[in-house]
PDB file of N, CA and C in Angstrom:
ATOM      1  N   MET A   1       9.039   2.118  20.186  1.00  0.00           N
ATOM      2  CA  MET A   1       8.789   0.708  19.997  1.00  0.00           C
ATOM      3  C   MET A   1       7.851   0.794  18.465  1.00  0.00           C
ATOM      4  N   THR A   2       7.740   2.034  17.279  1.00  0.00           N
ATOM      5  CA  THR A   2       6.981   1.993  16.555  1.00  0.00           C
ATOM      6  C   THR A   2       8.330   0.926  15.691  1.00  0.00           C
ATOM      7  N   THR A   3       9.223   1.483  15.680  1.00  0.00           N
ATOM      8  CA  THR A   3      10.493   0.852  14.528  1.00  0.00           C
ATOM      9  C   THR A   3      10.116  -1.011  15.298  1.00  0.00           C
ATOM     10  N   ILE A   4      10.124  -1.150  16.151  1.00  0.00           N
ATOM     11  CA  ILE A   4      10.595  -2.934  16.412  1.00  0.00           C
ATOM     12  C   ILE A   4       8.840  -2.746  15.575  1.00  0.00           C
ATOM     13  N   TYR A   5       7.895  -2.505  16.217  1.00  0.00           N
ATOM     14  CA  TYR A   5       6.844  -2.647  15.335  1.00  0.00           C
ATOM     15  C   TYR A   5       6.695  -3.017  13.440  1.00  0.00           C
ATOM     16  N   ILE A   6       7.296  -2.366  12.777  1.00  0.00           N
ATOM     17  CA  ILE A   6       7.463  -1.876  11.913  1.00  0.00           C
ATOM     18  C   ILE A   6       8.539  -2.566  11.443  1.00  0.00           C
ATOM     19  N   GLY A   7       9.840  -3.489  12.012  1.00  0.00           N
ATOM     20  CA  GLY A   7      10.629  -3.721  11.605  1.00  0.00           C
ATOM     21  C   GLY A   7      10.043  -5.549  11.654  1.00  0.00           C
ATOM     22  N   ILE A   8       9.173  -5.800  12.897  1.00  0.00           N
ATOM     23  CA  ILE A   8       8.804  -7.477  13.276  1.00  0.00           C
ATOM     24  C   ILE A   8       7.433  -8.041  12.547  1.00  0.00           C
ATOM     25  N   PHE A   9       6.700  -7.378  12.485  1.00  0.00           N
ATOM     26  CA  PHE A   9       5.624  -7.722  12.065  1.00  0.00           C
ATOM     27  C   PHE A   9       4.820  -7.625  10.663  1.00  0.00           C
ATOM     28  N   PRO A  10       5.921  -6.973   9.778  1.00  0.00           N
ATOM     29  CA  PRO A  10       5.898  -7.317   8.113  1.00  0.00           C
ATOM     30  C   PRO A  10       6.776  -8.235   7.907  1.00  0.00           C
ATOM     31  N   THR A  11       7.675  -8.753   8.284  1.00  0.00           N
ATOM     32  CA  THR A  11       8.653  -9.904   8.412  1.00  0.00           C
ATOM     33  C   THR A  11       7.989 -11.443   9.066  1.00  0.00           C
ATOM     34  N   ALA A  12       7.208 -11.107  10.187  1.00  0.00           N
ATOM     35  CA  ALA A  12       6.502 -12.609  10.102  1.00  0.00           C
ATOM     36  C   ALA A  12       5.724 -12.437   9.085  1.00  0.00           C
ATOM     37  N   VAL A  13       5.113 -12.061   8.521  1.00  0.00           N
ATOM     38  CA  VAL A  13       3.791 -11.766   7.881  1.00  0.00           C
ATOM     39  C   VAL A  13       4.623 -12.450   6.879  1.00  0.00           C
ATOM     40  N   ALA A  14       5.297 -11.805   6.198  1.00  0.00           N
ATOM     41  CA  ALA A  14       5.879 -12.137   4.631  1.00  0.00           C
ATOM     42  C   ALA A  14       6.365 -13.855   5.313  1.00  0.00           C
ATOM     43  N   TYR A  15       6.981 -14.190   6.231  1.00  0.00           N
ATOM     44  CA  TYR A  15       7.616 -15.510   6.375  1.00  0.00           C
ATOM     45  C   TYR A  15       6.607 -16.199   6.246  1.00  0.00           C
ATOM     46  N   LEU A  16       5.467 -15.925   6.897  1.00  0.00           N
ATOM     47  CA  LEU A  16       3.898 -16.824   6.923  1.00  0.00           C
ATOM     48  C   LEU A  16       3.829 -17.237   5.873  1.00  0.00           C
ATOM     49  N   THR A  17       3.478 -16.089   4.780  1.00  0.00           N
ATOM     50  CA  THR A  17       2.766 -16.352   3.889  1.00  0.00           C
ATOM     51  C   THR A  17       3.964 -17.462   2.943  1.00  0.00           C
ATOM     52  N   TRP A  18       4.742 -17.058   2.642  1.00  0.00           N
ATOM     53  CA  TRP A  18       6.056 -17.445   1.987  1.00  0.00           C
ATOM     54  C   TRP A  18       5.895 -19.129   2.268  1.00  0.00           C
ATOM     55  N   ALA A  19       6.247 -19.678   3.352  1.00  0.00           N
ATOM     56  CA  ALA A  19       6.089 -20.979   3.854  1.00  0.00           C
ATOM     57  C   ALA A  19       4.476 -21.223   3.655  1.00  0.00           C
ATOM     58  N   ILE A  20       3.939 -21.262   4.015  1.00  0.00           N
ATOM     59  CA  ILE A  20       2.243 -21.143   3.446  1.00  0.00           C
ATOM     60  C   ILE A  20       2.617 -21.634   1.796  1.00  0.00           C
ATOM     61  N   ALA A  21       3.178 -20.532   0.775  1.00  0.00           N
ATOM     62  CA  ALA A  21       2.754 -20.644  -0.629  1.00  0.00           C
ATOM     63  C   ALA A  21       3.865 -21.609  -0.767  1.00  0.00           C
ATOM     64  N   LEU A  22       4.740 -22.016  -0.438  1.00  0.00           N
ATOM     65  CA  LEU A  22       5.912 -23.345  -0.744  1.00  0.00           C
ATOM     66  C   LEU A  22       5.431 -23.979   0.092  1.00  0.00           C
ATOM     67  N   SER A  23       4.563 -24.632   0.440  1.00  0.00           N
ATOM     68  CA  SER A  23       3.821 -25.821   1.820  1.00  0.00           C
ATOM     69  C   SER A  23       2.577 -26.420   0.140  1.00  0.00           C
ATOM     70  N   LEU A  24       2.351 -24.946  -0.662  1.00  0.00           N
ATOM     71  CA  LEU A  24       1.603 -25.389  -1.178  1.00  0.00           C
ATOM     72  C   LEU A  24       1.607 -25.630  -2.811  1.00  0.00           C
ATOM     73  N   SER A  25       2.875 -25.565  -3.284  1.00  0.00           N
ATOM     74  CA  SER A  25       3.162 -25.379  -4.527  1.00  0.00           C
ATOM     75  C   SER A  25       4.681 -25.599  -4.486  1.00  0.00           C
ATOM     76  N   ALA A  26       5.031 -25.310  -5.831  1.00  0.00           N
ATOM     77  CA  ALA A  26       6.573 -25.597  -6.116  1.00  0.00           C
ATOM     78  C   ALA A  26       7.108 -24.850  -5.996  1.00  0.00           C
ATOM     79  N   ALA A  27       8.337 -24.403  -5.805  1.00  0.00           N
ATOM     80  CA  ALA A  27       9.167 -23.700  -5.130  1.00  0.00           C
ATOM     81  C   ALA A  27       9.009 -22.913  -6.139  1.00  0.00           C
ATOM     82  N   SER A  28      10.045 -23.803  -7.722  1.00  0.00           N
ATOM     83  CA  SER A  28       9.540 -22.320  -8.653  1.00  0.00           C
ATOM     84  C   SER A  28       8.651 -21.770  -8.829  1.00  0.00           C
ATOM     85  N   SER A  29       7.802 -22.337  -9.051  1.00  0.00           N
ATOM     86  CA  SER A  29       6.043 -21.594  -9.443  1.00  0.00           C
ATOM     87  C   SER A  29       6.419 -20.638  -8.039  1.00  0.00           C
ATOM     88  N   VAL A  30       6.324 -20.707  -6.583  1.00  0.00           N
ATOM     89  CA  VAL A  30       6.440 -19.319  -5.571  1.00  0.00           C
ATOM     90  C   VAL A  30       7.317 -18.616  -5.798  1.00  0.00           C
ATOM     91  N   SER A  31       8.149 -19.107  -6.659  1.00  0.00           N
ATOM     92  CA  SER A  31       9.622 -18.178  -6.630  1.00  0.00           C
ATOM     93  C   SER A  31       9.575 -17.124  -8.211  1.00  0.00           C
ATOM     94  N   SER A  32       9.060 -17.380  -9.074  1.00  0.00           N
ATOM     95  CA  SER A  32       8.089 -16.843  -9.778  1.00  0.00           C
ATOM     96  C   SER A  32       7.336 -15.581  -9.796  1.00  0.00           C
ATOM     97  N   VAL A  33       6.432 -15.983  -8.879  1.00  0.00           N
ATOM     98  CA  VAL A  33       5.399 -14.445  -8.323  1.00  0.00           C
ATOM     99  C   VAL A  33       6.157 -13.368  -7.917  1.00  0.00           C
ATOM    100  N   LEU A  34       7.356 -13.915  -7.691  1.00  0.00           N
ATOM    101  CA  LEU A  34       8.561 -12.418  -6.916  1.00  0.00           C
ATOM    102  C   LEU A  34       8.857 -11.498  -7.565  1.00  0.00           C
ATOM    103  N   TYR A  35       8.424 -12.141  -9.473  1.00  0.00           N
ATOM    104  CA  TYR A  35       8.784 -10.751 -10.532  1.00  0.00           C
ATOM    105  C   TYR A  35       7.692 -10.273 -11.058  1.00  0.00           C
ATOM    106  N   LEU A  36       7.174 -10.309  -9.906  1.00  0.00           N
ATOM    107  CA  LEU A  36       4.805  -9.302 -10.301  1.00  0.00           C
ATOM    108  C   LEU A  36       5.580  -8.291  -9.102  1.00  0.00           C
ATOM    109  N   GLU A  37       6.384  -8.327  -7.959  1.00  0.00           N
ATOM    110  CA  GLU A  37       6.514  -7.609  -7.109  1.00  0.00           C
ATOM    111  C   GLU A  37       6.286  -6.038  -7.850  1.00  0.00           C
ATOM    112  N   PRO A  38       6.769  -5.464  -8.504  1.00  0.00           N
ATOM    113  CA  PRO A  38       6.944  -4.391  -8.813  1.00  0.00           C
ATOM    114  C   PRO A  38       5.626  -3.877  -9.182  1.00  0.00           C
ATOM    115  N   VAL A  39       4.741  -5.331  -9.742  1.00  0.00           N
ATOM    116  CA  VAL A  39       3.658  -4.692 -10.739  1.00  0.00           C
ATOM    117  C   VAL A  39       2.458  -4.309  -9.998  1.00  0.00           C
ATOM    118  N   ILE A  40       2.579  -5.213  -9.094  1.00  0.00           N
ATOM    119  CA  ILE A  40       1.466  -5.251  -7.392  1.00  0.00           C
ATOM    120  C   ILE A  40       2.053  -4.148  -6.884  1.00  0.00           C
ATOM    121  N   ALA A  41       3.184  -3.687  -6.097  1.00  0.00           N
ATOM    122  CA  ALA A  41       3.252  -2.426  -5.899  1.00  0.00           C
ATOM    123  C   ALA A  41       2.809  -1.001  -6.292  1.00  0.00           C
ATOM    124  N   ILE A  42       3.073  -0.815  -7.821  1.00  0.00           N
ATOM    125  CA  ILE A  42       2.340  -0.344  -8.620  1.00  0.00           C
ATOM    126  C   ILE A  42       0.627   0.257  -8.756  1.00  0.00           C
ATOM    127  N   VAL A  43       0.611  -1.125  -8.508  1.00  0.00           N
ATOM    128  CA  VAL A  43      -1.310  -0.987  -8.520  1.00  0.00           C
ATOM    129  C   VAL A  43      -1.628  -0.394  -7.216  1.00  0.00           C
ATOM    130  N   VAL A  44      -1.567  -1.626  -6.109  1.00  0.00           N
ATOM    131  CA  VAL A  44      -1.934  -1.010  -5.205  1.00  0.00           C
ATOM    132  C   VAL A  44      -1.714   0.151  -4.513  1.00  0.00           C
ATOM    133  N   ALA A  45      -0.726   0.556  -4.589  1.00  0.00           N
ATOM    134  CA  ALA A  45      -0.266   1.580  -4.679  1.00  0.00           C
ATOM    135  C   ALA A  45      -1.533   3.121  -5.285  1.00  0.00           C
ATOM    136  N   TRP A  46      -1.751   2.953  -6.553  1.00  0.00           N
ATOM    137  CA  TRP A  46      -2.782   3.486  -7.413  1.00  0.00           C
ATOM    138  C   TRP A  46      -4.181   3.201  -6.565  1.00  0.00           C
ATOM    139  N   ILE A  47      -4.294   1.962  -6.452  1.00  0.00           N
ATOM    140  CA  ILE A  47      -5.912   1.794  -5.838  1.00  0.00           C
ATOM    141  C   ILE A  47      -6.413   2.074  -4.568  1.00  0.00           C
ATOM    142  N   TRP A  48      -4.915   2.052  -2.913  1.00  0.00           N
ATOM    143  CA  TRP A  48      -5.103   2.372  -1.877  1.00  0.00           C
ATOM    144  C   TRP A  48      -4.954   3.570  -2.250  1.00  0.00           C
ATOM    145  N   ILE A  49      -3.782   4.422  -2.206  1.00  0.00           N
ATOM    146  CA  ILE A  49      -3.309   5.739  -2.476  1.00  0.00           C
ATOM    147  C   ILE A  49      -3.465   6.681  -2.773  1.00  0.00           C
ATOM    148  N   ASN A  50      -4.338   6.274  -3.945  1.00  0.00           N
ATOM    149  CA  ASN A  50      -4.084   7.635  -5.357  1.00  0.00           C
ATOM    150  C   ASN A  50      -3.306   7.697  -5.986  1.00  0.00           C
ATOM    151  N   GLU A  51      -2.395   6.788  -5.631  1.00  0.00           N
ATOM    152  CA  GLU A  51      -0.986   7.480  -5.988  1.00  0.00           C
ATOM    153  C   GLU A  51      -0.817   7.205  -7.771  1.00  0.00           C
ATOM    154  N   LEU A  52      -0.986   7.845  -8.942  1.00  0.00           N
ATOM    155  CA  LEU A  52      -0.550   8.268  -9.434  1.00  0.00           C
ATOM    156  C   LEU A  52       0.668   7.615 -10.639  1.00  0.00           C
ATOM    157  N   PRO A  53       1.116   6.220 -11.423  1.00  0.00           N
ATOM    158  CA  PRO A  53       2.166   5.724 -11.494  1.00  0.00           C
ATOM    159  C   PRO A  53       3.011   6.849 -12.478  1.00  0.00           C
ATOM    160  N   SER A  54       4.702   6.977 -12.453  1.00  0.00           N
ATOM    161  CA  SER A  54       4.787   8.216 -12.965  1.00  0.00           C
ATOM    162  C   SER A  54       5.163   7.460 -13.963  1.00  0.00           C
ATOM    163  N   MET A  55       5.881   8.414 -14.923  1.00  0.00           N
ATOM    164  CA  MET A  55       6.589   7.623 -16.202  1.00  0.00           C
ATOM    165  C   MET A  55       8.236   7.274 -15.706  1.00  0.00           C
ATOM    166  N   MET A  56       8.294   7.365 -15.115  1.00  0.00           N
ATOM    167  CA  MET A  56       9.828   6.427 -14.323  1.00  0.00           C
ATOM    168  C   MET A  56       9.574   5.933 -13.492  1.00  0.00           C
ATOM    169  N   SER A  57       8.052   5.179 -13.336  1.00  0.00           N
ATOM    170  CA  SER A  57       7.947   3.915 -12.239  1.00  0.00           C
ATOM    171  C   SER A  57       7.856   2.814 -13.481  1.00  0.00           C
ATOM    172  N   ILE A  58       6.890   3.221 -14.289  1.00  0.00           N
ATOM    173  CA  ILE A  58       6.107   2.570 -15.720  1.00  0.00           C
ATOM    174  C   ILE A  58       7.355   2.179 -16.484  1.00  0.00           C
ATOM    175  N   SER A  59       8.189   3.231 -17.229  1.00  0.00           N
ATOM    176  CA  SER A  59       9.374   2.277 -17.898  1.00  0.00           C
ATOM    177  C   SER A  59       9.987   1.943 -17.238  1.00  0.00           C
ATOM    178  N   GLY A  60      10.569   2.188 -15.551  1.00  0.00           N
ATOM    179  CA  GLY A  60      11.475   0.990 -14.926  1.00  0.00           C
ATOM    180  C   GLY A  60      11.095  -0.230 -14.737  1.00  0.00           C
ATOM    181  N   ASP A  61       9.537  -0.648 -14.959  1.00  0.00           N
ATOM    182  CA  ASP A  61       8.473  -2.240 -14.711  1.00  0.00           C
ATOM    183  C   ASP A  61       9.292  -2.170 -15.830  1.00  0.00           C
ATOM    184  N   HIS A  62       8.933  -1.505 -17.228  1.00  0.00           N
ATOM    185  CA  HIS A  62       8.867  -2.010 -18.845  1.00  0.00           C
ATOM    186  C   HIS A  62      10.302  -2.703 -18.777  1.00  0.00           C
ATOM    187  N   ARG A  63      11.436  -1.731 -18.390  1.00  0.00           N
ATOM    188  CA  ARG A  63      13.021  -2.260 -18.498  1.00  0.00           C
ATOM    189  C   ARG A  63      13.137  -3.817 -18.313  1.00  0.00           C
ATOM    190  N   TYR A  64      12.756  -3.461 -17.063  1.00  0.00           N
ATOM    191  CA  TYR A  64      12.743  -4.292 -15.703  1.00  0.00           C
ATOM    192  C   TYR A  64      12.412  -5.846 -16.447  1.00  0.00           C
ATOM    193  N   TYR A  65      10.834  -6.024 -16.950  1.00  0.00           N
ATOM    194  CA  TYR A  65      10.842  -7.036 -17.692  1.00  0.00           C
ATOM    195  C   TYR A  65      11.643  -7.382 -19.121  1.00  0.00           C
ATOM    196  N   ARG A  66      11.263  -6.770 -19.779  1.00  0.00           N
ATOM    197  CA  ARG A  66      11.641  -6.942 -20.548  1.00  0.00           C
ATOM    198  C   ARG A  66      13.075  -7.586 -20.283  1.00  0.00           C
ATOM    199  N   SER A  67      14.522  -7.244 -19.892  1.00  0.00           N
ATOM    200  CA  SER A  67      15.332  -7.676 -19.640  1.00  0.00           C
ATOM    201  C   SER A  67      15.403  -9.091 -19.146  1.00  0.00           C
ATOM    202  N   TYR A  68      14.627  -9.095 -18.185  1.00  0.00           N
ATOM    203  CA  TYR A  68      14.008 -10.408 -17.716  1.00  0.00           C
ATOM    204  C   TYR A  68      13.932 -11.604 -18.637  1.00  0.00           C
ATOM    205  N   TYR A  69      12.538 -11.420 -19.646  1.00  0.00           N
ATOM    206  CA  TYR A  69      12.341 -11.800 -20.794  1.00  0.00           C
ATOM    207  C   TYR A  69      13.340 -12.246 -21.735  1.00  0.00           C
ATOM    208  N   ARG A  70      13.865 -11.367 -22.326  1.00  0.00           N
ATOM    209  CA  ARG A  70      14.724 -11.430 -22.923  1.00  0.00           C
ATOM    210  C   ARG A  70      15.544 -12.845 -23.267  1.00  0.00           C
TER     211      ARG A  70
END
């Protein structure tokens, strides 16, 4: 039962928020926000569960954005 809950609930929330965002803005604007996901994940983990970001995660984000914006 837990597996079903973990599989269905986050998926439903993700699709619902994606559909709302697309209805309120252009697809190009909404999709560019997806590139912020790694940074948001690190910040949320840092704030909510006091997980300090490792040098590997920071350098991985740096490489990711450097390669994207080059």
